Amino acid sequence: MLRSPPVNSAGVKRAAVLGSPIAHSLSPVIHRAAYRALGLDWVYEAIKVNSEQLPGFIAEMDDSWVGLSLTMPLKESVLDLLDVVDGVAARVRSVNTVLVGEDGLVGMNTDVIGMVRALQDAGLSSATSATILGSGATARSAVAAAADLGVTEMKVCARRDDAAQSVCAVAADFGIAATAHSLEPVSSLLAVDLVISTLPGDIAAHWVPVASAGAGALLDVSYYPWPTPLAAHWPTSVIANGRDLLLWQGTEQVRLMTGFEPPIPQMRAALDSV
């Protein structure tokens, strides 16, 4: 699938975050802060693109493009459009980063390292048991992050049993014994070392009545508004949020796209200012 992209006559380097919806994204804030600190005259935009529009968008990219950040619903639908799918991204079938270069389009996953770093910053160094709320691409990345933290037992809660079973299959590939459950809130499902919610904040709010059963760390990937209802009622202090995840997955994207060490203090300051 290697291709020669259209030639860019202006010489401007470009990157963007794609998704639908996308107006809420804070990725431009941290990437632009990184470019300023690194002295790069690059452009980073937020562009609304859905799964149906993605093939056409990629086909029209010229050689000014250095990379893409992807959010829902594109993390899985991009897979068939790539020349290479690297490492963990292939195992979890979730690409949130596309690099554009001599090897064509290379799909990578920085969500996993972002989740691990966010939880470590919150005070979690290791875990044995976990519950994942949700069953999409981000949930599959959460499985890999949980594995990196040492999790060996997992419960996966989803609206559809087949979707939960699909995430359980990914867990098995990482050596984790996983069982599927419905999204019906049950207090015992939160009595684990780690809960990762990949649900929209209003959907995860249904778990608030049993949140007091939370026994360990919480990573809620939502970041607007914050705190989410679930985070606001979580009984322990070990809580990581979507902003933490955004920062750490974004720093890795900056490293991959620019080839420079990411200016983390400037990126964090920019994120804290909004």
C-alpha atoms as a PDB file:
ATOM      1  CA  MET A   1       0.000   0.000   0.000  1.00  0.00           C
ATOM      2  CA  LEU A   2       3.029   2.319   0.009  1.00  0.00           C
ATOM      3  CA  ARG A   3       2.232   5.475  -1.875  1.00  0.00           C
ATOM      4  CA  SER A   4       3.812   8.702  -3.030  1.00  0.00           C
ATOM      5  CA  PRO A   5       1.791  11.544  -1.487  1.00  0.00           C
ATOM      6  CA  PRO A   6       0.947  14.688  -3.439  1.00  0.00           C
ATOM      7  CA  VAL A   7       3.731  17.242  -3.278  1.00  0.00           C
ATOM      8  CA  ASN A   8       3.284  20.212  -0.962  1.00  0.00           C
ATOM      9  CA  SER A   9       4.592  23.406  -2.528  1.00  0.00           C
ATOM     10  CA  ALA A  10       4.365  25.556   0.614  1.00  0.00           C
ATOM     11  CA  GLY A  11       6.811  23.524   2.717  1.00  0.00           C
ATOM     12  CA  VAL A  12       4.709  23.801   5.900  1.00  0.00           C
ATOM     13  CA  LYS A  13       4.671  20.750   8.197  1.00  0.00           C
ATOM     14  CA  ARG A  14       1.212  19.707   9.346  1.00  0.00           C
ATOM     15  CA  ALA A  15      -0.394  17.423  11.916  1.00  0.00           C
ATOM     16  CA  ALA A  16      -3.930  17.157  13.236  1.00  0.00           C
ATOM     17  CA  VAL A  17      -6.304  15.325  15.508  1.00  0.00           C
ATOM     18  CA  LEU A  18      -9.199  13.716  13.643  1.00  0.00           C
ATOM     19  CA  GLY A  19     -12.492  12.481  15.043  1.00  0.00           C
ATOM     20  CA  SER A  20     -16.196  13.093  15.305  1.00  0.00           C
ATOM     21  CA  PRO A  21     -17.097  14.939  17.442  1.00  0.00           C
ATOM     22  CA  ILE A  22     -13.830  16.857  17.761  1.00  0.00           C
ATOM     23  CA  ALA A  23     -14.567  20.424  18.943  1.00  0.00           C
ATOM     24  CA  HIS A  24     -13.907  19.451  22.574  1.00  0.00           C
ATOM     25  CA  SER A  25     -10.411  18.096  21.895  1.00  0.00           C
ATOM     26  CA  LEU A  26      -7.530  19.587  23.852  1.00  0.00           C
ATOM     27  CA  SER A  27      -4.895  17.878  21.702  1.00  0.00           C
ATOM     28  CA  PRO A  28      -4.190  21.103  19.768  1.00  0.00           C
ATOM     29  CA  VAL A  29      -3.395  22.839  23.068  1.00  0.00           C
ATOM     30  CA  ILE A  30      -0.606  20.459  24.028  1.00  0.00           C
ATOM     31  CA  HIS A  31       0.807  19.855  20.561  1.00  0.00           C
ATOM     32  CA  ARG A  32       0.968  23.563  19.725  1.00  0.00           C
ATOM     33  CA  ALA A  33       2.648  24.231  23.077  1.00  0.00           C
ATOM     34  CA  ALA A  34       5.233  21.594  22.222  1.00  0.00           C
ATOM     35  CA  TYR A  35       5.906  23.107  18.800  1.00  0.00           C
ATOM     36  CA  ARG A  36       6.382  26.575  20.327  1.00  0.00           C
ATOM     37  CA  ALA A  37       8.801  25.254  22.937  1.00  0.00           C
ATOM     38  CA  LEU A  38      10.732  23.300  20.313  1.00  0.00           C
ATOM     39  CA  GLY A  39      10.886  26.251  17.924  1.00  0.00           C
ATOM     40  CA  LEU A  40       8.979  24.403  15.211  1.00  0.00           C
ATOM     41  CA  ASP A  41       6.847  26.412  12.806  1.00  0.00           C
ATOM     42  CA  TRP A  42       4.364  23.566  12.441  1.00  0.00           C
ATOM     43  CA  VAL A  43       0.566  23.546  12.186  1.00  0.00           C
ATOM     44  CA  TYR A  44      -1.674  21.326  14.330  1.00  0.00           C
ATOM     45  CA  GLU A  45      -5.438  21.388  13.852  1.00  0.00           C
ATOM     46  CA  ALA A  46      -8.588  19.643  15.071  1.00  0.00           C
ATOM     47  CA  ILE A  47     -10.549  18.387  12.069  1.00  0.00           C
ATOM     48  CA  LYS A  48     -13.960  16.724  12.174  1.00  0.00           C
ATOM     49  CA  VAL A  49     -13.729  13.474  10.232  1.00  0.00           C
ATOM     50  CA  ASN A  50     -15.952  10.413  10.593  1.00  0.00           C
ATOM     51  CA  SER A  51     -15.237   6.837   9.526  1.00  0.00           C
ATOM     52  CA  GLU A  52     -16.844   7.281   6.113  1.00  0.00           C
ATOM     53  CA  GLN A  53     -14.795  10.414   5.391  1.00  0.00           C
ATOM     54  CA  LEU A  54     -11.459   9.026   6.618  1.00  0.00           C
ATOM     55  CA  PRO A  55     -10.333   7.208   3.419  1.00  0.00           C
ATOM     56  CA  GLY A  56     -10.897  10.335   1.329  1.00  0.00           C
ATOM     57  CA  PHE A  57      -9.111  12.548   3.864  1.00  0.00           C
ATOM     58  CA  ILE A  58      -6.050  10.282   3.913  1.00  0.00           C
ATOM     59  CA  ALA A  59      -6.003  10.003   0.126  1.00  0.00           C
ATOM     60  CA  GLU A  60      -5.781  13.794  -0.163  1.00  0.00           C
ATOM     61  CA  MET A  61      -2.912  14.232   2.337  1.00  0.00           C
ATOM     62  CA  ASP A  62       0.201  15.655   0.703  1.00  0.00           C
ATOM     63  CA  ASP A  63       3.831  15.434   1.803  1.00  0.00           C
ATOM     64  CA  SER A  64       3.408  18.289   4.272  1.00  0.00           C
ATOM     65  CA  TRP A  65       1.767  15.868   6.719  1.00  0.00           C
ATOM     66  CA  VAL A  66       3.921  14.366   9.475  1.00  0.00           C
ATOM     67  CA  GLY A  67       1.276  12.681  11.595  1.00  0.00           C
ATOM     68  CA  LEU A  68      -2.263  12.289  12.837  1.00  0.00           C
ATOM     69  CA  SER A  69      -3.805  11.861  16.255  1.00  0.00           C
ATOM     70  CA  LEU A  70      -7.016   9.836  16.138  1.00  0.00           C
ATOM     71  CA  THR A  71      -9.948   9.761  18.497  1.00  0.00           C
ATOM     72  CA  MET A  72     -13.290   8.036  18.250  1.00  0.00           C
ATOM     73  CA  PRO A  73     -14.593   6.623  16.009  1.00  0.00           C
ATOM     74  CA  LEU A  74     -11.406   6.305  13.950  1.00  0.00           C
ATOM     75  CA  LYS A  75      -9.058   4.221  16.100  1.00  0.00           C
ATOM     76  CA  GLU A  76     -10.255   0.980  14.572  1.00  0.00           C
ATOM     77  CA  SER A  77     -11.605   2.094  11.210  1.00  0.00           C
ATOM     78  CA  VAL A  78      -8.148   3.404  10.217  1.00  0.00           C
ATOM     79  CA  LEU A  79      -6.553  -0.041  10.393  1.00  0.00           C
ATOM     80  CA  ASP A  80      -7.280  -1.044   6.792  1.00  0.00           C
ATOM     81  CA  LEU A  81      -5.881   2.247   5.489  1.00  0.00           C
ATOM     82  CA  LEU A  82      -2.372   1.824   6.904  1.00  0.00           C
ATOM     83  CA  ASP A  83       0.819   0.445   5.409  1.00  0.00           C
ATOM     84  CA  VAL A  84       2.171  -0.756   8.766  1.00  0.00           C
ATOM     85  CA  VAL A  85       0.495  -1.360  12.135  1.00  0.00           C
ATOM     86  CA  ASP A  86       3.125  -1.420  14.836  1.00  0.00           C
ATOM     87  CA  GLY A  87       3.459  -3.522  17.982  1.00  0.00           C
ATOM     88  CA  VAL A  88       0.799  -3.124  20.625  1.00  0.00           C
ATOM     89  CA  ALA A  89      -1.492  -1.263  18.231  1.00  0.00           C
ATOM     90  CA  ALA A  90      -1.878  -4.468  16.226  1.00  0.00           C
ATOM     91  CA  ARG A  91      -2.501  -6.573  19.336  1.00  0.00           C
ATOM     92  CA  VAL A  92      -5.270  -4.315  20.646  1.00  0.00           C
ATOM     93  CA  ARG A  93      -6.568  -3.291  17.199  1.00  0.00           C
ATOM     94  CA  SER A  94      -6.506   0.349  18.192  1.00  0.00           C
ATOM     95  CA  VAL A  95      -4.470   3.090  16.485  1.00  0.00           C
ATOM     96  CA  ASN A  96      -4.479   6.578  17.950  1.00  0.00           C
ATOM     97  CA  THR A  97      -1.329   7.767  16.184  1.00  0.00           C
ATOM     98  CA  VAL A  98      -0.425   7.719  12.498  1.00  0.00           C
ATOM     99  CA  LEU A  99       3.077   8.620  11.354  1.00  0.00           C
ATOM    100  CA  VAL A 100       3.596   9.741   7.773  1.00  0.00           C
ATOM    101  CA  GLY A 101       7.028   9.057   6.316  1.00  0.00           C
ATOM    102  CA  GLU A 102       9.225   6.910   4.101  1.00  0.00           C
ATOM    103  CA  ASP A 103       7.478   3.746   5.279  1.00  0.00           C
ATOM    104  CA  GLY A 104       4.088   5.141   4.249  1.00  0.00           C
ATOM    105  CA  LEU A 105       1.411   5.373   6.913  1.00  0.00           C
ATOM    106  CA  VAL A 106       2.449   3.719  10.176  1.00  0.00           C
ATOM    107  CA  GLY A 107      -0.184   3.150  12.850  1.00  0.00           C
ATOM    108  CA  MET A 108       0.876   3.216  16.502  1.00  0.00           C
ATOM    109  CA  ASN A 109      -0.766   3.293  19.914  1.00  0.00           C
ATOM    110  CA  THR A 110       0.312   5.814  22.554  1.00  0.00           C
ATOM    111  CA  ASP A 111      -2.858   5.410  24.634  1.00  0.00           C
ATOM    112  CA  VAL A 112      -1.362   2.439  26.466  1.00  0.00           C
ATOM    113  CA  ILE A 113       1.749   4.257  27.652  1.00  0.00           C
ATOM    114  CA  GLY A 114      -0.434   7.271  28.425  1.00  0.00           C
ATOM    115  CA  MET A 115      -2.706   5.232  30.689  1.00  0.00           C
ATOM    116  CA  VAL A 116       0.210   3.629  32.506  1.00  0.00           C
ATOM    117  CA  ARG A 117       1.958   6.959  33.116  1.00  0.00           C
ATOM    118  CA  ALA A 118      -1.281   8.617  34.247  1.00  0.00           C
ATOM    119  CA  LEU A 119      -1.922   5.875  36.804  1.00  0.00           C
ATOM    120  CA  GLN A 120       1.670   5.888  38.001  1.00  0.00           C
ATOM    121  CA  ASP A 121       1.486   9.649  38.520  1.00  0.00           C
ATOM    122  CA  ALA A 122      -1.713   9.126  40.532  1.00  0.00           C
ATOM    123  CA  GLY A 123       0.103   6.700  42.823  1.00  0.00           C
ATOM    124  CA  LEU A 124      -0.553   3.237  41.377  1.00  0.00           C
ATOM    125  CA  SER A 125       2.626   1.254  40.826  1.00  0.00           C
ATOM    126  CA  SER A 126       1.112  -2.184  40.294  1.00  0.00           C
ATOM    127  CA  ALA A 127      -2.180  -4.077  40.348  1.00  0.00           C
ATOM    128  CA  THR A 128      -3.403  -7.663  40.224  1.00  0.00           C
ATOM    129  CA  SER A 129      -7.138  -7.286  39.541  1.00  0.00           C
ATOM    130  CA  ALA A 130      -9.006  -4.841  37.314  1.00  0.00           C
ATOM    131  CA  THR A 131     -12.420  -3.979  35.917  1.00  0.00           C
ATOM    132  CA  ILE A 132     -12.841  -2.320  32.533  1.00  0.00           C
ATOM    133  CA  LEU A 133     -16.022  -0.371  31.852  1.00  0.00           C
ATOM    134  CA  GLY A 134     -16.656  -0.267  28.105  1.00  0.00           C
ATOM    135  CA  SER A 135     -15.725  -2.366  25.106  1.00  0.00           C
ATOM    136  CA  GLY A 136     -14.407  -0.100  22.353  1.00  0.00           C
ATOM    137  CA  ALA A 137     -10.927   0.595  21.049  1.00  0.00           C
ATOM    138  CA  THR A 138      -9.962   2.512  24.189  1.00  0.00           C
ATOM    139  CA  ALA A 139     -11.065  -0.428  26.338  1.00  0.00           C
ATOM    140  CA  ARG A 140      -8.740  -2.716  24.399  1.00  0.00           C
ATOM    141  CA  SER A 141      -5.881  -0.282  25.036  1.00  0.00           C
ATOM    142  CA  ALA A 142      -6.861  -0.328  28.710  1.00  0.00           C
ATOM    143  CA  VAL A 143      -6.328  -4.091  28.725  1.00  0.00           C
ATOM    144  CA  ALA A 144      -2.730  -3.640  27.552  1.00  0.00           C
ATOM    145  CA  ALA A 145      -2.142  -0.906  30.127  1.00  0.00           C
ATOM    146  CA  ALA A 146      -3.517  -3.141  32.873  1.00  0.00           C
ATOM    147  CA  ALA A 147      -1.222  -5.930  31.723  1.00  0.00           C
ATOM    148  CA  ASP A 148       1.775  -3.592  31.932  1.00  0.00           C
ATOM    149  CA  LEU A 149       0.820  -2.877  35.546  1.00  0.00           C
ATOM    150  CA  GLY A 150       0.739  -6.582  36.405  1.00  0.00           C
ATOM    151  CA  VAL A 151      -2.975  -7.360  36.226  1.00  0.00           C
ATOM    152  CA  THR A 152      -3.752 -11.085  35.900  1.00  0.00           C
ATOM    153  CA  GLU A 153      -7.522 -11.093  36.584  1.00  0.00           C
ATOM    154  CA  MET A 154     -10.043  -8.846  34.850  1.00  0.00           C
ATOM    155  CA  LYS A 155     -13.754  -8.179  34.545  1.00  0.00           C
ATOM    156  CA  VAL A 156     -15.054  -6.501  31.378  1.00  0.00           C
ATOM    157  CA  CYS A 157     -18.415  -4.719  31.550  1.00  0.00           C
ATOM    158  CA  ALA A 158     -20.210  -3.807  28.342  1.00  0.00           C
ATOM    159  CA  ARG A 159     -23.697  -3.261  27.009  1.00  0.00           C
ATOM    160  CA  ARG A 160     -23.399  -6.223  24.627  1.00  0.00           C
ATOM    161  CA  ASP A 161     -22.029  -9.588  25.647  1.00  0.00           C
ATOM    162  CA  ASP A 162     -20.278 -10.146  22.315  1.00  0.00           C
ATOM    163  CA  ALA A 163     -18.463  -6.826  22.692  1.00  0.00           C
ATOM    164  CA  ALA A 164     -17.354  -7.718  26.223  1.00  0.00           C
ATOM    165  CA  GLN A 165     -16.204 -11.132  25.012  1.00  0.00           C
ATOM    166  CA  SER A 166     -14.132  -9.459  22.295  1.00  0.00           C
ATOM    167  CA  VAL A 167     -12.242  -7.452  24.925  1.00  0.00           C
ATOM    168  CA  CYS A 168     -11.844 -10.608  27.015  1.00  0.00           C
ATOM    169  CA  ALA A 169     -10.172 -12.245  24.008  1.00  0.00           C
ATOM    170  CA  VAL A 170      -7.654  -9.406  23.878  1.00  0.00           C
ATOM    171  CA  ALA A 171      -7.043  -9.864  27.603  1.00  0.00           C
ATOM    172  CA  ALA A 172      -6.353 -13.555  27.053  1.00  0.00           C
ATOM    173  CA  ASP A 173      -3.698 -12.614  24.498  1.00  0.00           C
ATOM    174  CA  PHE A 174      -1.972 -10.641  27.263  1.00  0.00           C
ATOM    175  CA  GLY A 175      -2.184 -13.546  29.696  1.00  0.00           C
ATOM    176  CA  ILE A 176      -5.079 -12.113  31.690  1.00  0.00           C
ATOM    177  CA  ALA A 177      -7.994 -14.281  32.836  1.00  0.00           C
ATOM    178  CA  ALA A 178     -11.041 -12.176  31.976  1.00  0.00           C
ATOM    179  CA  THR A 179     -14.798 -12.589  32.365  1.00  0.00           C
ATOM    180  CA  ALA A 180     -17.596 -10.696  30.622  1.00  0.00           C
ATOM    181  CA  HIS A 181     -20.297  -8.812  32.498  1.00  0.00           C
ATOM    182  CA  SER A 182     -23.172  -6.496  31.648  1.00  0.00           C
ATOM    183  CA  LEU A 183     -23.095  -2.746  32.283  1.00  0.00           C
ATOM    184  CA  GLU A 184     -25.542  -3.200  35.137  1.00  0.00           C
ATOM    185  CA  PRO A 185     -23.820  -1.571  38.139  1.00  0.00           C
ATOM    186  CA  VAL A 186     -22.762  -4.163  40.712  1.00  0.00           C
ATOM    187  CA  SER A 187     -20.693  -3.133  43.713  1.00  0.00           C
ATOM    188  CA  SER A 188     -18.480  -6.241  43.688  1.00  0.00           C
ATOM    189  CA  LEU A 189     -17.225  -5.331  40.213  1.00  0.00           C
ATOM    190  CA  LEU A 190     -15.551  -2.232  41.668  1.00  0.00           C
ATOM    191  CA  ALA A 191     -13.845  -4.067  44.535  1.00  0.00           C
ATOM    192  CA  VAL A 192     -10.608  -4.512  42.578  1.00  0.00           C
ATOM    193  CA  ASP A 193      -7.156  -2.939  42.486  1.00  0.00           C
ATOM    194  CA  LEU A 194      -7.928  -0.888  39.373  1.00  0.00           C
ATOM    195  CA  VAL A 195     -11.034   0.339  37.567  1.00  0.00           C
ATOM    196  CA  ILE A 196     -10.673   1.907  34.126  1.00  0.00           C
ATOM    197  CA  SER A 197     -13.782   3.583  32.741  1.00  0.00           C
ATOM    198  CA  THR A 198     -13.729   4.177  28.999  1.00  0.00           C
ATOM    199  CA  LEU A 199     -17.372   5.269  29.023  1.00  0.00           C
ATOM    200  CA  PRO A 200     -18.682   8.787  28.426  1.00  0.00           C
ATOM    201  CA  GLY A 201     -19.083  10.538  31.762  1.00  0.00           C
ATOM    202  CA  ASP A 202     -22.883  10.509  31.677  1.00  0.00           C
ATOM    203  CA  ILE A 203     -22.990   6.770  31.005  1.00  0.00           C
ATOM    204  CA  ALA A 204     -20.457   5.960  33.727  1.00  0.00           C
ATOM    205  CA  ALA A 205     -22.620   8.038  36.097  1.00  0.00           C
ATOM    206  CA  HIS A 206     -24.930   5.029  36.364  1.00  0.00           C
ATOM    207  CA  TRP A 207     -22.213   3.451  38.526  1.00  0.00           C
ATOM    208  CA  VAL A 208     -22.296   6.252  41.107  1.00  0.00           C
ATOM    209  CA  PRO A 209     -24.746   4.424  43.447  1.00  0.00           C
ATOM    210  CA  VAL A 210     -22.177   1.636  43.919  1.00  0.00           C
ATOM    211  CA  ALA A 211     -19.031   3.790  43.689  1.00  0.00           C
ATOM    212  CA  SER A 212     -18.426   3.515  47.444  1.00  0.00           C
ATOM    213  CA  ALA A 213     -17.373  -0.090  46.819  1.00  0.00           C
ATOM    214  CA  GLY A 214     -14.322   1.153  44.920  1.00  0.00           C
ATOM    215  CA  ALA A 215     -11.284  -0.314  46.627  1.00  0.00           C
ATOM    216  CA  GLY A 216      -8.368   0.794  44.501  1.00  0.00           C
ATOM    217  CA  ALA A 217      -7.386   3.174  41.746  1.00  0.00           C
ATOM    218  CA  LEU A 218      -9.665   4.751  39.146  1.00  0.00           C
ATOM    219  CA  LEU A 219      -8.752   5.927  35.672  1.00  0.00           C
ATOM    220  CA  ASP A 220     -11.665   7.736  34.052  1.00  0.00           C
ATOM    221  CA  VAL A 221     -10.665   8.555  30.488  1.00  0.00           C
ATOM    222  CA  SER A 222     -13.255  11.342  30.263  1.00  0.00           C
ATOM    223  CA  TYR A 223     -11.855  14.815  30.855  1.00  0.00           C
ATOM    224  CA  TYR A 224     -14.710  17.196  30.218  1.00  0.00           C
ATOM    225  CA  PRO A 225     -16.381  18.110  32.411  1.00  0.00           C
ATOM    226  CA  TRP A 226     -14.146  17.145  35.290  1.00  0.00           C
ATOM    227  CA  PRO A 227     -14.638  15.632  37.747  1.00  0.00           C
ATOM    228  CA  THR A 228     -17.003  13.157  36.180  1.00  0.00           C
ATOM    229  CA  PRO A 229     -19.799  11.919  38.451  1.00  0.00           C
ATOM    230  CA  LEU A 230     -17.964   8.622  38.964  1.00  0.00           C
ATOM    231  CA  ALA A 231     -14.681  10.326  39.867  1.00  0.00           C
ATOM    232  CA  ALA A 232     -16.462  12.754  42.208  1.00  0.00           C
ATOM    233  CA  HIS A 233     -17.867   9.834  44.208  1.00  0.00           C
ATOM    234  CA  TRP A 234     -14.799   7.577  44.087  1.00  0.00           C
ATOM    235  CA  PRO A 235     -13.788   6.733  47.686  1.00  0.00           C
ATOM    236  CA  THR A 236     -10.001   6.523  47.256  1.00  0.00           C
ATOM    237  CA  SER A 237      -7.567   9.282  46.376  1.00  0.00           C
ATOM    238  CA  VAL A 238      -5.824   7.348  43.597  1.00  0.00           C
ATOM    239  CA  ILE A 239      -7.632   8.871  40.628  1.00  0.00           C
ATOM    240  CA  ALA A 240      -6.296   9.589  37.155  1.00  0.00           C
ATOM    241  CA  ASN A 241      -8.317  11.421  34.535  1.00  0.00           C
ATOM    242  CA  GLY A 242      -8.490  11.880  30.806  1.00  0.00           C
ATOM    243  CA  ARG A 243      -6.345  15.013  30.972  1.00  0.00           C
ATOM    244  CA  ASP A 244      -3.527  12.971  32.500  1.00  0.00           C
ATOM    245  CA  LEU A 245      -3.956  10.396  29.755  1.00  0.00           C
ATOM    246  CA  LEU A 246      -4.070  13.117  27.105  1.00  0.00           C
ATOM    247  CA  LEU A 247      -0.828  14.665  28.333  1.00  0.00           C
ATOM    248  CA  TRP A 248       1.167  11.443  28.433  1.00  0.00           C
ATOM    249  CA  GLN A 249      -0.112   9.949  25.202  1.00  0.00           C
ATOM    250  CA  GLY A 250       0.454  13.365  23.599  1.00  0.00           C
ATOM    251  CA  THR A 251       4.056  13.621  24.782  1.00  0.00           C
ATOM    252  CA  GLU A 252       4.771  10.290  23.107  1.00  0.00           C
ATOM    253  CA  GLN A 253       3.067  11.497  19.922  1.00  0.00           C
ATOM    254  CA  VAL A 254       5.249  14.610  19.918  1.00  0.00           C
ATOM    255  CA  ARG A 255       8.345  12.439  20.331  1.00  0.00           C
ATOM    256  CA  LEU A 256       7.305  10.192  17.443  1.00  0.00           C
ATOM    257  CA  MET A 257       6.213  12.958  15.073  1.00  0.00           C
ATOM    258  CA  THR A 258       9.016  15.463  15.675  1.00  0.00           C
ATOM    259  CA  GLY A 259      11.950  13.265  16.666  1.00  0.00           C
ATOM    260  CA  PHE A 260      12.640  15.596  19.592  1.00  0.00           C
ATOM    261  CA  GLU A 261      12.323  15.075  23.329  1.00  0.00           C
ATOM    262  CA  PRO A 262       8.876  16.436  24.270  1.00  0.00           C
ATOM    263  CA  PRO A 263       8.869  19.627  26.399  1.00  0.00           C
ATOM    264  CA  ILE A 264       6.646  18.174  29.127  1.00  0.00           C
ATOM    265  CA  PRO A 265       6.568  21.205  31.495  1.00  0.00           C
ATOM    266  CA  GLN A 266       5.362  23.512  28.726  1.00  0.00           C
ATOM    267  CA  MET A 267       2.807  20.979  27.526  1.00  0.00           C
ATOM    268  CA  ARG A 268       1.491  20.458  31.039  1.00  0.00           C
ATOM    269  CA  ALA A 269       1.290  24.201  31.677  1.00  0.00           C
ATOM    270  CA  ALA A 270      -0.678  24.747  28.482  1.00  0.00           C
ATOM    271  CA  LEU A 271      -3.109  21.980  29.421  1.00  0.00           C
ATOM    272  CA  ASP A 272      -3.534  23.357  32.951  1.00  0.00           C
ATOM    273  CA  SER A 273      -4.362  26.797  31.529  1.00  0.00           C
ATOM    274  CA  VAL A 274      -7.588  25.667  29.819  1.00  0.00           C
END
